[in-house]
Amino acid sequence: MIICHCQNITDHDIHAAIDWMRASDDKTIVTPGKVYRALGKSADCGGCMPLFLSTMRSNDNTEVPMQLRNLKPAATQEEAHERRQESY
């Protein structure tokens, strides 16, 4: 099925690009921009984005790798105020 008429991208193209990216680097985070670049294309009008994203989400290889989940520690009270002193 054609997902993007402007760039002539099919659902098969999207799934193949995602599978290729995941096979070449299992720690990569798959984004729409990376999929477009892997296909040698760029987003044109953006009208296809909702369908493009739902097609990406239907692929099992778009999950964030376990090694990269929950890496950012919770913010402390000090960090919540951008480390400014109270008197500032």
PDB file of N, CA and C in Angstrom:
ATOM      1  N   MET A   1       0.843  -1.168   0.000  1.00  0.00           N
ATOM      2  CA  MET A   1       0.000   0.000   0.000  1.00  0.00           C
ATOM      3  C   MET A   1       0.898   1.245   0.000  1.00  0.00           C
ATOM      4  N   ILE A   2       0.540   2.235  -0.788  1.00  0.00           N
ATOM      5  CA  ILE A   2       1.311   3.476  -0.837  1.00  0.00           C
ATOM      6  C   ILE A   2       0.957   4.316   0.389  1.00  0.00           C
ATOM      7  N   ILE A   3       1.982   4.710   1.123  1.00  0.00           N
ATOM      8  CA  ILE A   3       1.809   5.518   2.331  1.00  0.00           C
ATOM      9  C   ILE A   3       2.010   6.991   2.006  1.00  0.00           C
ATOM     10  N   CYS A   4       3.042   7.297   1.243  1.00  0.00           N
ATOM     11  CA  CYS A   4       3.361   8.681   0.886  1.00  0.00           C
ATOM     12  C   CYS A   4       3.329   8.810  -0.633  1.00  0.00           C
ATOM     13  N   HIS A   5       2.338   9.557  -1.141  1.00  0.00           N
ATOM     14  CA  HIS A   5       2.232   9.743  -2.590  1.00  0.00           C
ATOM     15  C   HIS A   5       3.296  10.705  -3.112  1.00  0.00           C
ATOM     16  N   CYS A   6       3.672  11.685  -2.293  1.00  0.00           N
ATOM     17  CA  CYS A   6       4.670  12.678  -2.736  1.00  0.00           C
ATOM     18  C   CYS A   6       6.018  12.023  -3.032  1.00  0.00           C
ATOM     19  N   GLN A   7       6.427  11.095  -2.165  1.00  0.00           N
ATOM     20  CA  GLN A   7       7.738  10.459  -2.297  1.00  0.00           C
ATOM     21  C   GLN A   7       7.645   9.009  -2.776  1.00  0.00           C
ATOM     22  N   ASN A   8       6.424   8.542  -3.037  1.00  0.00           N
ATOM     23  CA  ASN A   8       6.190   7.174  -3.507  1.00  0.00           C
ATOM     24  C   ASN A   8       6.797   6.140  -2.551  1.00  0.00           C
ATOM     25  N   ILE A   9       6.382   6.201  -1.290  1.00  0.00           N
ATOM     26  CA  ILE A   9       6.858   5.280  -0.255  1.00  0.00           C
ATOM     27  C   ILE A   9       5.723   4.335   0.106  1.00  0.00           C
ATOM     28  N   THR A  10       6.021   3.046   0.115  1.00  0.00           N
ATOM     29  CA  THR A  10       5.016   2.045   0.463  1.00  0.00           C
ATOM     30  C   THR A  10       5.231   1.544   1.885  1.00  0.00           C
ATOM     31  N   ASP A  11       4.233   0.822   2.392  1.00  0.00           N
ATOM     32  CA  ASP A  11       4.376   0.232   3.722  1.00  0.00           C
ATOM     33  C   ASP A  11       5.513  -0.781   3.738  1.00  0.00           C
ATOM     34  N   HIS A  12       5.713  -1.473   2.624  1.00  0.00           N
ATOM     35  CA  HIS A  12       6.822  -2.427   2.531  1.00  0.00           C
ATOM     36  C   HIS A  12       8.168  -1.704   2.649  1.00  0.00           C
ATOM     37  N   ASP A  13       8.284  -0.539   2.016  1.00  0.00           N
ATOM     38  CA  ASP A  13       9.520   0.252   2.105  1.00  0.00           C
ATOM     39  C   ASP A  13       9.813   0.645   3.551  1.00  0.00           C
ATOM     40  N   ILE A  14       8.786   1.086   4.267  1.00  0.00           N
ATOM     41  CA  ILE A  14       8.955   1.515   5.658  1.00  0.00           C
ATOM     42  C   ILE A  14       9.398   0.351   6.523  1.00  0.00           C
ATOM     43  N   HIS A  15       8.722  -0.795   6.381  1.00  0.00           N
ATOM     44  CA  HIS A  15       9.084  -1.966   7.185  1.00  0.00           C
ATOM     45  C   HIS A  15      10.487  -2.463   6.846  1.00  0.00           C
ATOM     46  N   ALA A  16      10.845  -2.436   5.569  1.00  0.00           N
ATOM     47  CA  ALA A  16      12.182  -2.880   5.165  1.00  0.00           C
ATOM     48  C   ALA A  16      13.255  -1.956   5.735  1.00  0.00           C
ATOM     49  N   ALA A  17      13.004  -0.640   5.722  1.00  0.00           N
ATOM     50  CA  ALA A  17      13.974   0.313   6.269  1.00  0.00           C
ATOM     51  C   ALA A  17      14.141   0.116   7.770  1.00  0.00           C
ATOM     52  N   ILE A  18      13.038  -0.093   8.481  1.00  0.00           N
ATOM     53  CA  ILE A  18      13.106  -0.311   9.932  1.00  0.00           C
ATOM     54  C   ILE A  18      13.871  -1.587  10.241  1.00  0.00           C
ATOM     55  N   ASP A  19      13.554  -2.660   9.525  1.00  0.00           N
ATOM     56  CA  ASP A  19      14.245  -3.937   9.753  1.00  0.00           C
ATOM     57  C   ASP A  19      15.732  -3.816   9.443  1.00  0.00           C
ATOM     58  N   TRP A  20      16.081  -3.088   8.386  1.00  0.00           N
ATOM     59  CA  TRP A  20      17.485  -2.890   8.025  1.00  0.00           C
ATOM     60  C   TRP A  20      18.217  -2.101   9.108  1.00  0.00           C
ATOM     61  N   MET A  21      17.583  -1.020   9.599  1.00  0.00           N
ATOM     62  CA  MET A  21      18.222  -0.212  10.648  1.00  0.00           C
ATOM     63  C   MET A  21      18.435  -1.027  11.914  1.00  0.00           C
ATOM     64  N   ARG A  22      17.448  -1.793  12.304  1.00  0.00           N
ATOM     65  CA  ARG A  22      17.556  -2.586  13.531  1.00  0.00           C
ATOM     66  C   ARG A  22      18.601  -3.691  13.362  1.00  0.00           C
ATOM     67  N   ALA A  23      18.702  -4.281  12.166  1.00  0.00           N
ATOM     68  CA  ALA A  23      19.694  -5.332  11.927  1.00  0.00           C
ATOM     69  C   ALA A  23      21.111  -4.766  11.942  1.00  0.00           C
ATOM     70  N   SER A  24      21.282  -3.541  11.438  1.00  0.00           N
ATOM     71  CA  SER A  24      22.625  -2.966  11.391  1.00  0.00           C
ATOM     72  C   SER A  24      23.064  -2.395  12.732  1.00  0.00           C
ATOM     73  N   ASP A  25      22.111  -1.943  13.562  1.00  0.00           N
ATOM     74  CA  ASP A  25      22.443  -1.401  14.883  1.00  0.00           C
ATOM     75  C   ASP A  25      21.262  -1.642  15.808  1.00  0.00           C
ATOM     76  N   ASP A  26      21.389  -2.637  16.672  1.00  0.00           N
ATOM     77  CA  ASP A  26      20.262  -3.011  17.532  1.00  0.00           C
ATOM     78  C   ASP A  26      19.972  -1.980  18.618  1.00  0.00           C
ATOM     79  N   LYS A  27      20.847  -0.976  18.786  1.00  0.00           N
ATOM     80  CA  LYS A  27      20.634   0.051  19.805  1.00  0.00           C
ATOM     81  C   LYS A  27      20.077   1.351  19.230  1.00  0.00           C
ATOM     82  N   THR A  28      19.829   1.386  17.934  1.00  0.00           N
ATOM     83  CA  THR A  28      19.333   2.616  17.323  1.00  0.00           C
ATOM     84  C   THR A  28      17.889   2.876  17.731  1.00  0.00           C
ATOM     85  N   ILE A  29      17.556   4.137  17.855  1.00  0.00           N
ATOM     86  CA  ILE A  29      16.175   4.529  18.094  1.00  0.00           C
ATOM     87  C   ILE A  29      15.604   4.933  16.741  1.00  0.00           C
ATOM     88  N   VAL A  30      14.569   4.242  16.318  1.00  0.00           N
ATOM     89  CA  VAL A  30      14.000   4.444  14.991  1.00  0.00           C
ATOM     90  C   VAL A  30      13.034   5.628  15.032  1.00  0.00           C
ATOM     91  N   THR A  31      13.294   6.614  14.186  1.00  0.00           N
ATOM     92  CA  THR A  31      12.437   7.795  14.074  1.00  0.00           C
ATOM     93  C   THR A  31      11.981   7.943  12.625  1.00  0.00           C
ATOM     94  N   PRO A  32      10.907   8.704  12.390  1.00  0.00           N
ATOM     95  CA  PRO A  32      10.487   8.916  11.001  1.00  0.00           C
ATOM     96  C   PRO A  32      11.586   9.534  10.144  1.00  0.00           C
ATOM     97  N   GLY A  33      12.343  10.464  10.704  1.00  0.00           N
ATOM     98  CA  GLY A  33      13.432  11.079   9.949  1.00  0.00           C
ATOM     99  C   GLY A  33      14.481  10.075   9.523  1.00  0.00           C
ATOM    100  N   LYS A  34      14.808   9.149  10.407  1.00  0.00           N
ATOM    101  CA  LYS A  34      15.793   8.120  10.064  1.00  0.00           C
ATOM    102  C   LYS A  34      15.254   7.189   8.992  1.00  0.00           C
ATOM    103  N   VAL A  35      13.959   6.894   9.039  1.00  0.00           N
ATOM    104  CA  VAL A  35      13.362   6.034   8.014  1.00  0.00           C
ATOM    105  C   VAL A  35      13.420   6.742   6.662  1.00  0.00           C
ATOM    106  N   TYR A  36      13.041   8.017   6.630  1.00  0.00           N
ATOM    107  CA  TYR A  36      13.128   8.773   5.374  1.00  0.00           C
ATOM    108  C   TYR A  36      14.557   8.784   4.843  1.00  0.00           C
ATOM    109  N   ARG A  37      15.533   9.045   5.716  1.00  0.00           N
ATOM    110  CA  ARG A  37      16.935   9.079   5.273  1.00  0.00           C
ATOM    111  C   ARG A  37      17.393   7.723   4.765  1.00  0.00           C
ATOM    112  N   ALA A  38      16.961   6.648   5.436  1.00  0.00           N
ATOM    113  CA  ALA A  38      17.341   5.303   4.990  1.00  0.00           C
ATOM    114  C   ALA A  38      16.785   5.015   3.599  1.00  0.00           C
ATOM    115  N   LEU A  39      15.648   5.626   3.295  1.00  0.00           N
ATOM    116  CA  LEU A  39      15.045   5.435   1.975  1.00  0.00           C
ATOM    117  C   LEU A  39      15.572   6.439   0.950  1.00  0.00           C
ATOM    118  N   GLY A  40      16.426   7.368   1.398  1.00  0.00           N
ATOM    119  CA  GLY A  40      16.973   8.369   0.493  1.00  0.00           C
ATOM    120  C   GLY A  40      15.960   9.427   0.095  1.00  0.00           C
ATOM    121  N   LYS A  41      14.995   9.682   0.977  1.00  0.00           N
ATOM    122  CA  LYS A  41      13.934  10.635   0.670  1.00  0.00           C
ATOM    123  C   LYS A  41      13.743  11.569   1.848  1.00  0.00           C
ATOM    124  N   SER A  42      12.858  12.536   1.694  1.00  0.00           N
ATOM    125  CA  SER A  42      12.540  13.444   2.796  1.00  0.00           C
ATOM    126  C   SER A  42      11.042  13.725   2.780  1.00  0.00           C
ATOM    127  N   ALA A  43      10.515  14.100   3.936  1.00  0.00           N
ATOM    128  CA  ALA A  43       9.091  14.422   4.022  1.00  0.00           C
ATOM    129  C   ALA A  43       8.816  15.655   3.171  1.00  0.00           C
ATOM    130  N   ASP A  44       7.711  15.641   2.460  1.00  0.00           N
ATOM    131  CA  ASP A  44       7.389  16.763   1.582  1.00  0.00           C
ATOM    132  C   ASP A  44       6.273  17.604   2.197  1.00  0.00           C
ATOM    133  N   CYS A  45       5.030  17.183   2.059  1.00  0.00           N
ATOM    134  CA  CYS A  45       3.919  17.998   2.547  1.00  0.00           C
ATOM    135  C   CYS A  45       3.510  17.633   3.974  1.00  0.00           C
ATOM    136  N   GLY A  46       3.859  16.438   4.441  1.00  0.00           N
ATOM    137  CA  GLY A  46       3.512  16.012   5.798  1.00  0.00           C
ATOM    138  C   GLY A  46       2.122  15.422   5.925  1.00  0.00           C
ATOM    139  N   GLY A  47       1.364  15.389   4.855  1.00  0.00           N
ATOM    140  CA  GLY A  47       0.016  14.828   4.906  1.00  0.00           C
ATOM    141  C   GLY A  47      -0.012  13.346   5.221  1.00  0.00           C
ATOM    142  N   CYS A  48       1.077  12.665   4.952  1.00  0.00           N
ATOM    143  CA  CYS A  48       1.144  11.223   5.179  1.00  0.00           C
ATOM    144  C   CYS A  48       1.598  10.865   6.593  1.00  0.00           C
ATOM    145  N   MET A  49       2.005  11.842   7.382  1.00  0.00           N
ATOM    146  CA  MET A  49       2.617  11.546   8.687  1.00  0.00           C
ATOM    147  C   MET A  49       1.763  10.657   9.594  1.00  0.00           C
ATOM    148  N   PRO A  50       0.452  10.904   9.749  1.00  0.00           N
ATOM    149  CA  PRO A  50      -0.325  10.004  10.613  1.00  0.00           C
ATOM    150  C   PRO A  50      -0.278   8.549  10.135  1.00  0.00           C
ATOM    151  N   LEU A  51      -0.435   8.333   8.840  1.00  0.00           N
ATOM    152  CA  LEU A  51      -0.379   6.975   8.297  1.00  0.00           C
ATOM    153  C   LEU A  51       1.042   6.426   8.347  1.00  0.00           C
ATOM    154  N   PHE A  52       2.023   7.274   8.098  1.00  0.00           N
ATOM    155  CA  PHE A  52       3.435   6.879   8.173  1.00  0.00           C
ATOM    156  C   PHE A  52       3.758   6.384   9.581  1.00  0.00           C
ATOM    157  N   LEU A  53       3.337   7.145  10.599  1.00  0.00           N
ATOM    158  CA  LEU A  53       3.608   6.770  11.989  1.00  0.00           C
ATOM    159  C   LEU A  53       2.873   5.501  12.389  1.00  0.00           C
ATOM    160  N   SER A  54       1.627   5.352  11.968  1.00  0.00           N
ATOM    161  CA  SER A  54       0.905   4.126  12.326  1.00  0.00           C
ATOM    162  C   SER A  54       1.525   2.907  11.649  1.00  0.00           C
ATOM    163  N   THR A  55       2.067   3.097  10.447  1.00  0.00           N
ATOM    164  CA  THR A  55       2.766   2.002   9.769  1.00  0.00           C
ATOM    165  C   THR A  55       4.045   1.655  10.518  1.00  0.00           C
ATOM    166  N   MET A  56       4.765   2.672  10.978  1.00  0.00           N
ATOM    167  CA  MET A  56       5.977   2.423  11.769  1.00  0.00           C
ATOM    168  C   MET A  56       5.638   1.676  13.054  1.00  0.00           C
ATOM    169  N   ARG A  57       4.575   2.114  13.738  1.00  0.00           N
ATOM    170  CA  ARG A  57       4.202   1.493  15.014  1.00  0.00           C
ATOM    171  C   ARG A  57       3.782   0.038  14.849  1.00  0.00           C
ATOM    172  N   SER A  58       3.309  -0.322  13.660  1.00  0.00           N
ATOM    173  CA  SER A  58       2.884  -1.705  13.443  1.00  0.00           C
ATOM    174  C   SER A  58       4.067  -2.659  13.289  1.00  0.00           C
ATOM    175  N   ASN A  59       5.280  -2.114  13.154  1.00  0.00           N
ATOM    176  CA  ASN A  59       6.483  -2.937  13.041  1.00  0.00           C
ATOM    177  C   ASN A  59       7.017  -3.244  14.438  1.00  0.00           C
ATOM    178  N   ASP A  60       7.337  -4.495  14.691  1.00  0.00           N
ATOM    179  CA  ASP A  60       7.822  -4.914  16.012  1.00  0.00           C
ATOM    180  C   ASP A  60       9.211  -4.379  16.334  1.00  0.00           C
ATOM    181  N   ASN A  61       9.962  -3.946  15.345  1.00  0.00           N
ATOM    182  CA  ASN A  61      11.341  -3.499  15.561  1.00  0.00           C
ATOM    183  C   ASN A  61      11.474  -2.028  15.946  1.00  0.00           C
ATOM    184  N   THR A  62      10.371  -1.334  16.214  1.00  0.00           N
ATOM    185  CA  THR A  62      10.467   0.090  16.556  1.00  0.00           C
ATOM    186  C   THR A  62      10.559   0.333  18.054  1.00  0.00           C
ATOM    187  N   GLU A  63      10.497  -0.699  18.851  1.00  0.00           N
ATOM    188  CA  GLU A  63      10.581  -0.511  20.298  1.00  0.00           C
ATOM    189  C   GLU A  63      11.968  -0.011  20.693  1.00  0.00           C
ATOM    190  N   VAL A  64      11.995   0.784  21.763  1.00  0.00           N
ATOM    191  CA  VAL A  64      13.270   1.270  22.293  1.00  0.00           C
ATOM    192  C   VAL A  64      13.998   0.076  22.907  1.00  0.00           C
ATOM    193  N   PRO A  65      15.269  -0.129  22.558  1.00  0.00           N
ATOM    194  CA  PRO A  65      16.016  -1.263  23.106  1.00  0.00           C
ATOM    195  C   PRO A  65      16.062  -1.229  24.633  1.00  0.00           C
ATOM    196  N   MET A  66      16.075  -2.398  25.245  1.00  0.00           N
ATOM    197  CA  MET A  66      16.080  -2.505  26.710  1.00  0.00           C
ATOM    198  C   MET A  66      17.247  -1.743  27.326  1.00  0.00           C
ATOM    199  N   GLN A  67      18.425  -1.747  26.672  1.00  0.00           N
ATOM    200  CA  GLN A  67      19.600  -1.069  27.219  1.00  0.00           C
ATOM    201  C   GLN A  67      19.394   0.436  27.313  1.00  0.00           C
ATOM    202  N   LEU A  68      18.479   0.995  26.524  1.00  0.00           N
ATOM    203  CA  LEU A  68      18.294   2.436  26.476  1.00  0.00           C
ATOM    204  C   LEU A  68      17.072   2.920  27.254  1.00  0.00           C
ATOM    205  N   ARG A  69      16.327   2.018  27.848  1.00  0.00           N
ATOM    206  CA  ARG A  69      15.137   2.417  28.598  1.00  0.00           C
ATOM    207  C   ARG A  69      15.507   2.910  29.986  1.00  0.00           C
ATOM    208  N   ASN A  70      14.802   3.920  30.438  1.00  0.00           N
ATOM    209  CA  ASN A  70      14.949   4.467  31.792  1.00  0.00           C
ATOM    210  C   ASN A  70      16.374   4.905  32.110  1.00  0.00           C
ATOM    211  N   LEU A  71      17.060   5.509  31.172  1.00  0.00           N
ATOM    212  CA  LEU A  71      18.434   5.947  31.415  1.00  0.00           C
ATOM    213  C   LEU A  71      18.506   7.238  32.217  1.00  0.00           C
ATOM    214  N   LYS A  72      17.542   8.115  32.054  1.00  0.00           N
ATOM    215  CA  LYS A  72      17.586   9.406  32.736  1.00  0.00           C
ATOM    216  C   LYS A  72      17.094   9.234  34.172  1.00  0.00           C
ATOM    217  N   PRO A  73      17.925   9.597  35.145  1.00  0.00           N
ATOM    218  CA  PRO A  73      17.483   9.479  36.538  1.00  0.00           C
ATOM    219  C   PRO A  73      16.417  10.527  36.845  1.00  0.00           C
ATOM    220  N   ALA A  74      15.629  10.248  37.855  1.00  0.00           N
ATOM    221  CA  ALA A  74      14.591  11.192  38.262  1.00  0.00           C
ATOM    222  C   ALA A  74      15.234  12.489  38.745  1.00  0.00           C
ATOM    223  N   ALA A  75      14.602  13.608  38.459  1.00  0.00           N
ATOM    224  CA  ALA A  75      15.128  14.918  38.857  1.00  0.00           C
ATOM    225  C   ALA A  75      14.969  15.116  40.359  1.00  0.00           C
ATOM    226  N   THR A  76      16.000  15.639  40.974  1.00  0.00           N
ATOM    227  CA  THR A  76      15.932  15.969  42.396  1.00  0.00           C
ATOM    228  C   THR A  76      15.362  17.373  42.531  1.00  0.00           C
ATOM    229  N   GLN A  77      15.059  17.770  43.752  1.00  0.00           N
ATOM    230  CA  GLN A  77      14.525  19.105  43.984  1.00  0.00           C
ATOM    231  C   GLN A  77      15.501  20.170  43.501  1.00  0.00           C
ATOM    232  N   GLU A  78      16.794  19.933  43.713  1.00  0.00           N
ATOM    233  CA  GLU A  78      17.812  20.890  43.288  1.00  0.00           C
ATOM    234  C   GLU A  78      17.816  21.045  41.771  1.00  0.00           C
ATOM    235  N   GLU A  79      17.709  19.941  41.049  1.00  0.00           N
ATOM    236  CA  GLU A  79      17.721  19.993  39.591  1.00  0.00           C
ATOM    237  C   GLU A  79      16.434  20.577  39.035  1.00  0.00           C
ATOM    238  N   ALA A  80      15.347  20.443  39.762  1.00  0.00           N
ATOM    239  CA  ALA A  80      14.081  20.982  39.296  1.00  0.00           C
ATOM    240  C   ALA A  80      14.133  22.496  39.179  1.00  0.00           C
ATOM    241  N   HIS A  81      15.010  23.140  39.953  1.00  0.00           N
ATOM    242  CA  HIS A  81      15.168  24.590  39.895  1.00  0.00           C
ATOM    243  C   HIS A  81      16.410  24.991  39.099  1.00  0.00           C
ATOM    244  N   GLU A  82      16.860  24.109  38.244  1.00  0.00           N
ATOM    245  CA  GLU A  82      18.005  24.360  37.366  1.00  0.00           C
ATOM    246  C   GLU A  82      19.248  24.776  38.138  1.00  0.00           C
ATOM    247  N   ARG A  83      19.392  24.261  39.339  1.00  0.00           N
ATOM    248  CA  ARG A  83      20.558  24.478  40.201  1.00  0.00           C
ATOM    249  C   ARG A  83      20.781  25.950  40.566  1.00  0.00           C
ATOM    250  N   ARG A  84      19.741  26.743  40.532  1.00  0.00           N
ATOM    251  CA  ARG A  84      19.853  28.138  40.963  1.00  0.00           C
ATOM    252  C   ARG A  84      19.757  28.199  42.476  1.00  0.00           C
ATOM    253  N   GLN A  85      20.481  29.116  43.066  1.00  0.00           N
ATOM    254  CA  GLN A  85      20.392  29.307  44.506  1.00  0.00           C
ATOM    255  C   GLN A  85      19.107  30.062  44.818  1.00  0.00           C
ATOM    256  N   GLU A  86      18.606  29.869  46.032  1.00  0.00           N
ATOM    257  CA  GLU A  86      17.364  30.534  46.405  1.00  0.00           C
ATOM    258  C   GLU A  86      17.493  32.046  46.377  1.00  0.00           C
ATOM    259  N   SER A  87      18.668  32.568  46.679  1.00  0.00           N
ATOM    260  CA  SER A  87      18.840  34.014  46.731  1.00  0.00           C
ATOM    261  C   SER A  87      18.984  34.643  45.350  1.00  0.00           C
ATOM    262  N   TYR A  88      19.048  33.819  44.329  1.00  0.00           N
ATOM    263  CA  TYR A  88      19.253  34.362  42.992  1.00  0.00           C
ATOM    264  C   TYR A  88      17.970  34.915  42.430  1.00  0.00           C
TER     265      TYR A  88
END
